[in-house]
Amino acid sequence: MMGARDNGADVMDSATVELEEDTAPASRLSIEDLLPESTSPQPAPGAPGDGPAAAPAIGTRTARVLDVAGRTATVLLRGATAPVEAELAPEVDPEVISDAQAIGDSVLVECCEGEAPLVVAALTTRKPRELRLHAATVHIEADEEVLLRSGHGAVRVRQDGDIEVIGSRISAASRGLFRLVGRVLRLN
């Protein structure tokens, strides 16, 4: 059996271990007996209880957007109790981050020592129920076919120029001239 202490000497200070050969039951050592006295864990930066002034842990983390003002976002890092101010990376459009805030998506934040946190991306974690696209010009191109479908209605545009519109009821209206031009027009 191994004796942990010899005449009150600390095991951590002694590099030798003496063997006891007597048959008396030996006392078992607990892990606390083997550790030095000052082993209480120190809180990590950004840990709960540090307050809003604590620096976030170094690395890439997810966060929820609380507010966006210009190129600065107020975010709540995952696992943190207090929000922090984060700059938006130059390649990140503030409207994308505002959209993430509006629909509750997370953002990806880089935290580096000595620098402000940096929002580098918006994360889509679920399939959208609605898709909104707003731009000055929208281009939709396909090599073979474009199909727009909803329920029993559809519009199909093929590469050879055929355009097909199918629906239970199709309405067309014009506030000005309504022209139908073709080599052959067939009604019913």
N, C-alpha and C. Protein backbone atom coordinates (compact mmCIF):
# COMPACT_ATOMS: atom_id res chain seq x y z
N MET A 1 0.83 -1.17 0.00
CA MET A 1 0.00 0.00 0.00
C MET A 1 0.87 1.23 0.00
N MET A 2 0.30 2.32 -0.48
CA MET A 2 1.08 3.55 -0.57
C MET A 2 0.68 4.48 0.56
N GLY A 3 1.66 5.05 1.23
CA GLY A 3 1.41 6.04 2.26
C GLY A 3 1.45 7.41 1.64
N ALA A 4 0.48 8.24 1.98
CA ALA A 4 0.40 9.54 1.35
C ALA A 4 1.28 10.55 2.05
N ARG A 5 1.40 10.46 3.35
CA ARG A 5 2.15 11.46 4.09
C ARG A 5 3.15 10.75 4.99
N ASP A 6 4.30 11.38 5.16
CA ASP A 6 5.31 10.84 6.05
C ASP A 6 5.71 11.96 7.00
N ASN A 7 5.36 11.81 8.27
CA ASN A 7 5.65 12.80 9.30
C ASN A 7 5.12 14.18 8.93
N GLY A 8 3.94 14.26 8.40
CA GLY A 8 3.31 15.53 8.11
C GLY A 8 3.80 16.20 6.84
N ALA A 9 4.68 15.59 6.07
CA ALA A 9 5.18 16.21 4.84
C ALA A 9 4.10 16.16 3.78
N ASP A 10 3.97 17.20 2.99
CA ASP A 10 2.95 17.29 1.93
C ASP A 10 3.37 16.41 0.76
N VAL A 11 2.42 15.66 0.19
CA VAL A 11 2.71 14.77 -0.93
C VAL A 11 3.19 15.56 -2.13
N MET A 12 2.62 16.76 -2.36
CA MET A 12 2.99 17.55 -3.53
C MET A 12 4.44 18.02 -3.45
N ASP A 13 4.98 18.16 -2.24
CA ASP A 13 6.36 18.61 -2.09
C ASP A 13 7.35 17.46 -2.18
N SER A 14 6.88 16.26 -2.02
CA SER A 14 7.77 15.10 -2.00
C SER A 14 7.70 14.37 -3.33
N ALA A 15 8.87 14.05 -3.89
CA ALA A 15 8.90 13.34 -5.17
C ALA A 15 8.98 11.84 -4.96
N THR A 16 9.18 11.38 -3.74
CA THR A 16 9.28 9.94 -3.50
C THR A 16 8.03 9.45 -2.79
N VAL A 17 7.72 8.22 -3.03
CA VAL A 17 6.58 7.58 -2.39
C VAL A 17 7.10 6.36 -1.67
N GLU A 18 6.79 6.26 -0.40
CA GLU A 18 7.26 5.13 0.38
C GLU A 18 6.19 4.06 0.42
N LEU A 19 6.60 2.83 0.41
CA LEU A 19 5.68 1.71 0.50
C LEU A 19 5.60 1.24 1.93
N GLU A 20 4.42 1.02 2.41
CA GLU A 20 4.23 0.48 3.74
C GLU A 20 3.95 -1.00 3.59
N GLU A 21 4.62 -1.77 4.41
CA GLU A 21 4.47 -3.21 4.28
C GLU A 21 3.71 -3.82 5.43
N ASP A 22 3.22 -3.00 6.35
CA ASP A 22 2.48 -3.58 7.46
C ASP A 22 1.05 -3.90 7.02
N THR A 23 0.35 -4.63 7.81
CA THR A 23 -0.98 -5.07 7.45
C THR A 23 -2.08 -4.16 7.98
N ALA A 24 -1.70 -3.06 8.58
CA ALA A 24 -2.71 -2.13 9.11
C ALA A 24 -3.43 -1.46 7.94
N PRO A 25 -4.74 -1.23 8.07
CA PRO A 25 -5.48 -0.60 6.97
C PRO A 25 -4.98 0.83 6.74
N ALA A 26 -4.73 1.16 5.48
CA ALA A 26 -4.23 2.50 5.13
C ALA A 26 -5.41 3.42 4.88
N SER A 27 -5.21 4.68 5.19
CA SER A 27 -6.27 5.64 4.90
C SER A 27 -6.23 6.00 3.43
N ARG A 28 -7.38 6.18 2.83
CA ARG A 28 -7.46 6.54 1.41
C ARG A 28 -7.33 8.04 1.27
N LEU A 29 -6.68 8.47 0.21
CA LEU A 29 -6.51 9.89 -0.05
C LEU A 29 -7.65 10.40 -0.92
N SER A 30 -8.10 11.56 -0.60
CA SER A 30 -9.09 12.19 -1.47
C SER A 30 -8.35 13.11 -2.43
N ILE A 31 -9.01 13.51 -3.50
CA ILE A 31 -8.38 14.39 -4.48
C ILE A 31 -8.00 15.73 -3.87
N GLU A 32 -8.76 16.17 -2.86
CA GLU A 32 -8.45 17.44 -2.20
C GLU A 32 -7.12 17.37 -1.47
N ASP A 33 -6.74 16.17 -0.95
CA ASP A 33 -5.46 16.02 -0.26
C ASP A 33 -4.29 16.16 -1.22
N LEU A 34 -4.50 15.86 -2.50
CA LEU A 34 -3.41 15.89 -3.46
C LEU A 34 -3.24 17.25 -4.12
N LEU A 35 -4.25 18.08 -4.05
CA LEU A 35 -4.19 19.38 -4.72
C LEU A 35 -3.58 20.43 -3.81
N PRO A 36 -2.87 21.42 -4.40
CA PRO A 36 -2.36 22.51 -3.57
C PRO A 36 -3.52 23.31 -2.98
N GLU A 37 -3.25 24.11 -1.97
CA GLU A 37 -4.28 24.84 -1.24
C GLU A 37 -5.07 25.81 -2.10
N SER A 38 -4.45 26.58 -2.99
CA SER A 38 -5.15 27.63 -3.74
C SER A 38 -5.55 27.15 -5.13
N THR A 39 -6.50 26.23 -5.17
CA THR A 39 -6.96 25.72 -6.46
C THR A 39 -8.38 26.12 -6.78
N SER A 40 -8.91 27.14 -6.11
CA SER A 40 -10.28 27.55 -6.42
C SER A 40 -10.33 28.10 -7.83
N PRO A 41 -11.32 27.69 -8.61
CA PRO A 41 -11.38 28.13 -9.99
C PRO A 41 -11.62 29.63 -10.09
N GLN A 42 -10.92 30.26 -11.00
CA GLN A 42 -11.08 31.69 -11.26
C GLN A 42 -12.12 31.86 -12.34
N PRO A 43 -13.04 32.83 -12.21
CA PRO A 43 -14.05 33.02 -13.25
C PRO A 43 -13.41 33.49 -14.54
N ALA A 44 -13.91 32.94 -15.64
CA ALA A 44 -13.39 33.32 -16.97
C ALA A 44 -13.94 34.68 -17.35
N PRO A 45 -13.21 35.43 -18.19
CA PRO A 45 -13.74 36.71 -18.66
C PRO A 45 -15.05 36.48 -19.40
N GLY A 46 -16.03 37.35 -19.14
CA GLY A 46 -17.32 37.22 -19.80
C GLY A 46 -18.25 36.25 -19.08
N ALA A 47 -17.80 35.71 -17.92
CA ALA A 47 -18.64 34.78 -17.19
C ALA A 47 -19.75 35.53 -16.50
N PRO A 48 -20.86 34.85 -16.18
CA PRO A 48 -21.96 35.53 -15.50
C PRO A 48 -21.48 36.14 -14.20
N GLY A 49 -21.97 37.33 -13.91
CA GLY A 49 -21.60 38.03 -12.70
C GLY A 49 -20.50 39.04 -12.91
N ASP A 50 -19.84 39.04 -14.03
CA ASP A 50 -18.77 40.00 -14.28
C ASP A 50 -19.31 41.37 -14.62
N GLY A 51 -20.58 41.48 -15.03
CA GLY A 51 -21.16 42.76 -15.38
C GLY A 51 -20.91 43.11 -16.83
N PRO A 52 -21.46 44.22 -17.31
CA PRO A 52 -21.36 44.57 -18.73
C PRO A 52 -19.96 44.97 -19.16
N ALA A 53 -19.06 45.31 -18.23
CA ALA A 53 -17.73 45.78 -18.61
C ALA A 53 -16.78 44.62 -18.93
N ALA A 54 -17.15 43.38 -18.60
CA ALA A 54 -16.26 42.24 -18.82
C ALA A 54 -16.10 41.97 -20.32
N ALA A 55 -14.88 41.61 -20.70
CA ALA A 55 -14.62 41.30 -22.10
C ALA A 55 -15.14 39.91 -22.42
N PRO A 56 -15.75 39.71 -23.60
CA PRO A 56 -16.23 38.37 -23.96
C PRO A 56 -15.05 37.43 -24.21
N ALA A 57 -15.29 36.14 -24.03
CA ALA A 57 -14.25 35.14 -24.26
C ALA A 57 -13.79 35.18 -25.71
N ILE A 58 -12.53 34.89 -25.93
CA ILE A 58 -11.94 34.92 -27.26
C ILE A 58 -12.48 33.76 -28.08
N GLY A 59 -12.85 34.02 -29.34
CA GLY A 59 -13.34 32.98 -30.23
C GLY A 59 -14.52 33.48 -31.04
N THR A 60 -15.19 32.55 -31.70
CA THR A 60 -16.38 32.86 -32.49
C THR A 60 -17.58 32.33 -31.73
N ARG A 61 -18.59 33.20 -31.54
CA ARG A 61 -19.76 32.83 -30.76
C ARG A 61 -21.03 33.27 -31.48
N THR A 62 -22.13 32.62 -31.14
CA THR A 62 -23.42 33.06 -31.66
C THR A 62 -24.02 34.05 -30.68
N ALA A 63 -24.91 34.89 -31.20
CA ALA A 63 -25.54 35.91 -30.36
C ALA A 63 -26.91 36.26 -30.93
N ARG A 64 -27.75 36.86 -30.11
CA ARG A 64 -29.04 37.41 -30.51
C ARG A 64 -28.89 38.91 -30.65
N VAL A 65 -29.47 39.48 -31.69
CA VAL A 65 -29.39 40.92 -31.91
C VAL A 65 -30.49 41.60 -31.12
N LEU A 66 -30.10 42.58 -30.32
CA LEU A 66 -31.06 43.35 -29.54
C LEU A 66 -31.39 44.67 -30.21
N ASP A 67 -30.39 45.28 -30.90
CA ASP A 67 -30.60 46.57 -31.54
C ASP A 67 -29.51 46.78 -32.59
N VAL A 68 -29.87 47.50 -33.65
CA VAL A 68 -28.91 47.86 -34.69
C VAL A 68 -29.02 49.36 -34.92
N ALA A 69 -27.88 50.05 -34.84
CA ALA A 69 -27.84 51.49 -35.10
C ALA A 69 -26.62 51.77 -35.96
N GLY A 70 -26.86 52.07 -37.23
CA GLY A 70 -25.73 52.29 -38.14
C GLY A 70 -24.94 51.02 -38.35
N ARG A 71 -23.65 51.06 -38.06
CA ARG A 71 -22.78 49.90 -38.20
C ARG A 71 -22.40 49.30 -36.85
N THR A 72 -23.27 49.54 -35.85
CA THR A 72 -23.06 48.98 -34.51
C THR A 72 -24.31 48.21 -34.11
N ALA A 73 -24.11 47.05 -33.52
CA ALA A 73 -25.23 46.24 -33.05
C ALA A 73 -25.05 45.94 -31.56
N THR A 74 -26.13 45.96 -30.84
CA THR A 74 -26.13 45.51 -29.45
C THR A 74 -26.56 44.06 -29.48
N VAL A 75 -25.67 43.17 -28.99
CA VAL A 75 -25.94 41.74 -29.06
C VAL A 75 -25.82 41.11 -27.68
N LEU A 76 -26.52 40.01 -27.51
CA LEU A 76 -26.41 39.20 -26.30
C LEU A 76 -25.74 37.90 -26.70
N LEU A 77 -24.48 37.76 -26.31
CA LEU A 77 -23.72 36.55 -26.65
C LEU A 77 -24.32 35.35 -25.93
N ARG A 78 -24.31 34.21 -26.59
CA ARG A 78 -24.86 32.98 -26.00
C ARG A 78 -24.12 32.67 -24.71
N GLY A 79 -24.87 32.48 -23.64
CA GLY A 79 -24.28 32.15 -22.34
C GLY A 79 -23.94 33.37 -21.50
N ALA A 80 -24.02 34.57 -22.06
CA ALA A 80 -23.70 35.79 -21.32
C ALA A 80 -24.97 36.34 -20.69
N THR A 81 -24.78 37.15 -19.65
CA THR A 81 -25.93 37.73 -18.97
C THR A 81 -26.14 39.19 -19.34
N ALA A 82 -25.11 39.83 -19.88
CA ALA A 82 -25.21 41.26 -20.21
C ALA A 82 -24.93 41.47 -21.69
N PRO A 83 -25.66 42.39 -22.34
CA PRO A 83 -25.40 42.67 -23.75
C PRO A 83 -24.08 43.42 -23.94
N VAL A 84 -23.53 43.30 -25.15
CA VAL A 84 -22.31 44.03 -25.52
C VAL A 84 -22.54 44.74 -26.84
N GLU A 85 -21.76 45.79 -27.06
CA GLU A 85 -21.79 46.51 -28.33
C GLU A 85 -20.81 45.82 -29.27
N ALA A 86 -21.23 45.58 -30.50
CA ALA A 86 -20.38 44.92 -31.50
C ALA A 86 -20.43 45.72 -32.79
N GLU A 87 -19.29 45.86 -33.44
CA GLU A 87 -19.21 46.52 -34.74
C GLU A 87 -19.62 45.51 -35.81
N LEU A 88 -20.10 46.00 -36.95
CA LEU A 88 -20.40 45.13 -38.08
C LEU A 88 -19.17 45.07 -38.97
N ALA A 89 -18.82 43.89 -39.43
CA ALA A 89 -17.69 43.73 -40.36
C ALA A 89 -18.00 44.53 -41.62
N PRO A 90 -16.96 45.04 -42.31
CA PRO A 90 -17.19 45.86 -43.50
C PRO A 90 -18.03 45.19 -44.58
N GLU A 91 -17.93 43.88 -44.71
CA GLU A 91 -18.68 43.17 -45.75
C GLU A 91 -20.10 42.81 -45.35
N VAL A 92 -20.51 43.15 -44.12
CA VAL A 92 -21.84 42.82 -43.63
C VAL A 92 -22.76 44.01 -43.83
N ASP A 93 -23.90 43.77 -44.49
CA ASP A 93 -24.90 44.81 -44.73
C ASP A 93 -25.75 44.97 -43.46
N PRO A 94 -25.86 46.19 -42.93
CA PRO A 94 -26.66 46.39 -41.72
C PRO A 94 -28.11 45.94 -41.87
N GLU A 95 -28.67 46.01 -43.08
CA GLU A 95 -30.05 45.56 -43.28
C GLU A 95 -30.19 44.06 -43.05
N VAL A 96 -29.15 43.29 -43.37
CA VAL A 96 -29.18 41.84 -43.14
C VAL A 96 -29.26 41.57 -41.64
N ILE A 97 -28.50 42.33 -40.85
CA ILE A 97 -28.52 42.15 -39.40
C ILE A 97 -29.85 42.63 -38.82
N SER A 98 -30.41 43.71 -39.36
CA SER A 98 -31.74 44.17 -38.93
C SER A 98 -32.80 43.12 -39.23
N ASP A 99 -32.71 42.49 -40.40
CA ASP A 99 -33.65 41.41 -40.75
C ASP A 99 -33.51 40.24 -39.78
N ALA A 100 -32.26 39.90 -39.41
CA ALA A 100 -32.03 38.82 -38.45
C ALA A 100 -32.68 39.16 -37.11
N GLN A 101 -32.58 40.42 -36.70
CA GLN A 101 -33.21 40.85 -35.45
C GLN A 101 -34.73 40.71 -35.56
N ALA A 102 -35.30 41.14 -36.68
CA ALA A 102 -36.76 41.14 -36.85
C ALA A 102 -37.35 39.73 -36.81
N ILE A 103 -36.64 38.75 -37.39
CA ILE A 103 -37.19 37.39 -37.43
C ILE A 103 -36.62 36.47 -36.35
N GLY A 104 -35.72 37.00 -35.52
CA GLY A 104 -35.20 36.22 -34.40
C GLY A 104 -34.06 35.30 -34.74
N ASP A 105 -33.37 35.53 -35.86
CA ASP A 105 -32.21 34.70 -36.21
C ASP A 105 -30.99 35.13 -35.41
N SER A 106 -30.05 34.23 -35.26
CA SER A 106 -28.80 34.52 -34.56
C SER A 106 -27.80 35.15 -35.52
N VAL A 107 -26.75 35.73 -34.93
CA VAL A 107 -25.63 36.24 -35.71
C VAL A 107 -24.36 35.57 -35.20
N LEU A 108 -23.33 35.61 -36.02
CA LEU A 108 -22.04 35.06 -35.66
C LEU A 108 -21.12 36.22 -35.30
N VAL A 109 -20.50 36.15 -34.12
CA VAL A 109 -19.68 37.25 -33.61
C VAL A 109 -18.27 36.74 -33.33
N GLU A 110 -17.25 37.45 -33.87
CA GLU A 110 -15.85 37.14 -33.58
C GLU A 110 -15.41 38.00 -32.41
N CYS A 111 -14.81 37.37 -31.40
CA CYS A 111 -14.30 38.08 -30.24
C CYS A 111 -12.79 37.89 -30.19
N CYS A 112 -12.03 39.00 -30.25
CA CYS A 112 -10.57 38.95 -30.20
C CYS A 112 -10.10 39.80 -29.03
N GLU A 113 -8.99 39.41 -28.44
CA GLU A 113 -8.44 40.14 -27.31
C GLU A 113 -8.04 41.55 -27.72
N GLY A 114 -8.45 42.53 -26.95
CA GLY A 114 -8.08 43.91 -27.20
C GLY A 114 -8.88 44.60 -28.29
N GLU A 115 -9.88 43.92 -28.88
CA GLU A 115 -10.69 44.50 -29.94
C GLU A 115 -12.16 44.36 -29.58
N ALA A 116 -12.98 45.25 -30.15
CA ALA A 116 -14.43 45.16 -29.94
C ALA A 116 -14.94 43.92 -30.67
N PRO A 117 -15.99 43.28 -30.15
CA PRO A 117 -16.59 42.14 -30.87
C PRO A 117 -17.03 42.58 -32.27
N LEU A 118 -16.98 41.66 -33.22
CA LEU A 118 -17.26 41.96 -34.62
C LEU A 118 -18.32 41.00 -35.15
N VAL A 119 -19.46 41.54 -35.62
CA VAL A 119 -20.50 40.71 -36.23
C VAL A 119 -20.07 40.40 -37.66
N VAL A 120 -19.93 39.11 -37.98
CA VAL A 120 -19.43 38.70 -39.30
C VAL A 120 -20.47 38.00 -40.16
N ALA A 121 -21.61 37.60 -39.59
CA ALA A 121 -22.60 36.89 -40.40
C ALA A 121 -23.93 36.80 -39.67
N ALA A 122 -24.99 36.61 -40.43
CA ALA A 122 -26.31 36.28 -39.89
C ALA A 122 -26.54 34.80 -40.17
N LEU A 123 -27.10 34.10 -39.21
CA LEU A 123 -27.31 32.66 -39.34
C LEU A 123 -28.79 32.36 -39.53
N THR A 124 -29.10 31.62 -40.56
CA THR A 124 -30.46 31.15 -40.78
C THR A 124 -30.53 29.72 -40.27
N THR A 125 -31.35 29.49 -39.27
CA THR A 125 -31.40 28.18 -38.64
C THR A 125 -32.71 27.44 -38.85
N ARG A 126 -33.61 28.06 -39.59
CA ARG A 126 -34.88 27.39 -39.86
C ARG A 126 -35.37 27.80 -41.24
N LYS A 127 -36.19 26.97 -41.81
CA LYS A 127 -36.76 27.24 -43.13
C LYS A 127 -37.76 28.38 -43.00
N PRO A 128 -37.63 29.42 -43.83
CA PRO A 128 -38.55 30.55 -43.69
C PRO A 128 -39.97 30.20 -44.15
N ARG A 129 -40.95 30.75 -43.46
CA ARG A 129 -42.35 30.58 -43.88
C ARG A 129 -42.68 31.55 -45.00
N GLU A 130 -41.94 32.64 -45.06
CA GLU A 130 -42.18 33.67 -46.06
C GLU A 130 -40.83 34.18 -46.52
N LEU A 131 -40.72 34.45 -47.80
CA LEU A 131 -39.47 34.96 -48.35
C LEU A 131 -39.74 36.29 -49.00
N ARG A 132 -39.05 37.31 -48.54
CA ARG A 132 -39.20 38.64 -49.13
C ARG A 132 -37.90 39.02 -49.79
N LEU A 133 -38.01 39.51 -51.01
CA LEU A 133 -36.84 39.94 -51.75
C LEU A 133 -37.12 41.34 -52.26
N HIS A 134 -36.28 42.28 -51.87
CA HIS A 134 -36.46 43.65 -52.31
C HIS A 134 -35.12 44.14 -52.83
N ALA A 135 -35.11 44.56 -54.08
CA ALA A 135 -33.89 45.09 -54.69
C ALA A 135 -34.30 46.01 -55.82
N ALA A 136 -33.37 46.82 -56.29
CA ALA A 136 -33.66 47.72 -57.41
C ALA A 136 -34.00 46.92 -58.66
N THR A 137 -33.27 45.86 -58.91
CA THR A 137 -33.51 44.98 -60.05
C THR A 137 -33.37 43.54 -59.59
N VAL A 138 -34.29 42.69 -60.00
CA VAL A 138 -34.23 41.26 -59.66
C VAL A 138 -34.09 40.48 -60.95
N HIS A 139 -33.06 39.66 -61.03
CA HIS A 139 -32.84 38.81 -62.20
C HIS A 139 -33.01 37.36 -61.77
N ILE A 140 -33.85 36.64 -62.49
CA ILE A 140 -33.99 35.20 -62.28
C ILE A 140 -33.70 34.55 -63.62
N GLU A 141 -32.68 33.73 -63.65
CA GLU A 141 -32.29 33.09 -64.90
C GLU A 141 -32.14 31.60 -64.69
N ALA A 142 -32.45 30.86 -65.75
CA ALA A 142 -32.27 29.41 -65.73
C ALA A 142 -31.79 28.96 -67.09
N ASP A 143 -31.00 27.91 -67.13
CA ASP A 143 -30.51 27.39 -68.40
C ASP A 143 -31.62 26.71 -69.20
N GLU A 144 -32.54 26.03 -68.53
CA GLU A 144 -33.57 25.27 -69.24
C GLU A 144 -35.00 25.77 -69.00
N GLU A 145 -35.34 26.08 -67.74
CA GLU A 145 -36.73 26.40 -67.46
C GLU A 145 -36.86 27.13 -66.12
N VAL A 146 -37.80 28.10 -66.08
CA VAL A 146 -38.17 28.77 -64.83
C VAL A 146 -39.63 28.41 -64.57
N LEU A 147 -39.92 27.94 -63.37
CA LEU A 147 -41.27 27.54 -63.01
C LEU A 147 -41.66 28.26 -61.72
N LEU A 148 -42.77 29.00 -61.78
CA LEU A 148 -43.36 29.61 -60.60
C LEU A 148 -44.67 28.87 -60.34
N ARG A 149 -44.82 28.31 -59.15
CA ARG A 149 -45.99 27.50 -58.87
C ARG A 149 -46.53 27.80 -57.49
N SER A 150 -47.85 27.84 -57.39
CA SER A 150 -48.52 27.97 -56.10
C SER A 150 -49.87 27.26 -56.23
N GLY A 151 -50.06 26.22 -55.48
CA GLY A 151 -51.32 25.47 -55.54
C GLY A 151 -51.58 24.92 -56.93
N HIS A 152 -52.72 25.33 -57.55
CA HIS A 152 -53.10 24.84 -58.87
C HIS A 152 -52.70 25.80 -59.98
N GLY A 153 -52.00 26.88 -59.66
CA GLY A 153 -51.58 27.84 -60.68
C GLY A 153 -50.09 27.76 -60.93
N ALA A 154 -49.69 28.05 -62.18
CA ALA A 154 -48.27 28.00 -62.52
C ALA A 154 -47.96 28.86 -63.73
N VAL A 155 -46.72 29.35 -63.76
CA VAL A 155 -46.19 30.04 -64.93
C VAL A 155 -44.87 29.36 -65.25
N ARG A 156 -44.73 28.92 -66.50
CA ARG A 156 -43.52 28.22 -66.92
C ARG A 156 -42.92 28.96 -68.10
N VAL A 157 -41.62 29.23 -68.03
CA VAL A 157 -40.89 29.85 -69.13
C VAL A 157 -39.77 28.89 -69.51
N ARG A 158 -39.79 28.45 -70.77
CA ARG A 158 -38.78 27.48 -71.24
C ARG A 158 -37.72 28.16 -72.07
N GLN A 159 -36.59 27.48 -72.23
CA GLN A 159 -35.47 28.03 -72.98
C GLN A 159 -35.79 28.27 -74.45
N ASP A 160 -36.72 27.51 -75.02
CA ASP A 160 -37.06 27.68 -76.44
C ASP A 160 -38.04 28.84 -76.67
N GLY A 161 -38.42 29.56 -75.57
CA GLY A 161 -39.31 30.70 -75.71
C GLY A 161 -40.76 30.41 -75.41
N ASP A 162 -41.13 29.16 -75.19
CA ASP A 162 -42.51 28.82 -74.84
C ASP A 162 -42.80 29.33 -73.43
N ILE A 163 -43.94 30.00 -73.29
CA ILE A 163 -44.40 30.48 -72.00
C ILE A 163 -45.78 29.92 -71.78
N GLU A 164 -45.97 29.30 -70.66
CA GLU A 164 -47.22 28.64 -70.35
C GLU A 164 -47.77 29.21 -69.05
N VAL A 165 -49.03 29.63 -69.05
CA VAL A 165 -49.69 30.14 -67.85
C VAL A 165 -50.89 29.22 -67.61
N ILE A 166 -50.97 28.63 -66.42
CA ILE A 166 -52.03 27.69 -66.11
C ILE A 166 -52.69 28.13 -64.81
N GLY A 167 -54.02 28.14 -64.79
CA GLY A 167 -54.74 28.50 -63.58
C GLY A 167 -56.21 28.20 -63.70
N SER A 168 -56.91 28.18 -62.60
CA SER A 168 -58.35 27.96 -62.60
C SER A 168 -59.06 29.14 -63.25
N ARG A 169 -58.58 30.33 -63.01
CA ARG A 169 -59.12 31.53 -63.61
C ARG A 169 -57.96 32.48 -63.86
N ILE A 170 -57.81 32.99 -65.06
CA ILE A 170 -56.71 33.88 -65.40
C ILE A 170 -57.29 35.23 -65.79
N SER A 171 -56.80 36.27 -65.16
CA SER A 171 -57.27 37.62 -65.45
C SER A 171 -56.09 38.44 -65.96
N ALA A 172 -56.37 39.29 -66.92
CA ALA A 172 -55.37 40.22 -67.42
C ALA A 172 -56.06 41.56 -67.59
N ALA A 173 -55.41 42.61 -67.14
CA ALA A 173 -56.00 43.94 -67.25
C ALA A 173 -54.90 44.94 -67.60
N SER A 174 -55.30 45.99 -68.24
CA SER A 174 -54.36 47.04 -68.62
C SER A 174 -55.01 48.40 -68.41
N ARG A 175 -54.26 49.34 -67.90
CA ARG A 175 -54.75 50.71 -67.76
C ARG A 175 -54.57 51.47 -69.07
N GLY A 176 -53.79 50.93 -69.94
CA GLY A 176 -53.56 51.54 -71.25
C GLY A 176 -53.87 50.52 -72.33
N LEU A 177 -53.11 50.58 -73.40
CA LEU A 177 -53.29 49.67 -74.53
C LEU A 177 -52.95 48.24 -74.11
N PHE A 178 -53.81 47.30 -74.46
CA PHE A 178 -53.58 45.88 -74.21
C PHE A 178 -53.42 45.22 -75.57
N ARG A 179 -52.22 44.78 -75.89
CA ARG A 179 -51.98 44.21 -77.22
C ARG A 179 -51.72 42.72 -77.11
N LEU A 180 -52.29 41.97 -77.99
CA LEU A 180 -51.97 40.57 -78.17
C LEU A 180 -51.45 40.44 -79.59
N VAL A 181 -50.22 40.05 -79.73
CA VAL A 181 -49.60 39.96 -81.05
C VAL A 181 -49.06 38.55 -81.23
N GLY A 182 -49.33 37.96 -82.34
CA GLY A 182 -48.80 36.65 -82.65
C GLY A 182 -49.15 36.28 -84.07
N ARG A 183 -48.42 35.35 -84.65
CA ARG A 183 -48.75 34.91 -86.01
C ARG A 183 -50.14 34.31 -86.05
N VAL A 184 -50.45 33.56 -84.98
CA VAL A 184 -51.76 32.94 -84.92
C VAL A 184 -52.31 33.17 -83.52
N LEU A 185 -53.55 33.69 -83.43
CA LEU A 185 -54.22 33.82 -82.14
C LEU A 185 -55.39 32.85 -82.15
N ARG A 186 -55.43 32.01 -81.16
CA ARG A 186 -56.49 31.01 -81.11
C ARG A 186 -57.29 31.21 -79.84
N LEU A 187 -58.56 31.44 -79.95
CA LEU A 187 -59.46 31.57 -78.80
C LEU A 187 -60.36 30.34 -78.79
N ASN A 188 -60.26 29.56 -77.77
CA ASN A 188 -61.01 28.31 -77.63
C ASN A 188 -60.80 27.45 -78.79
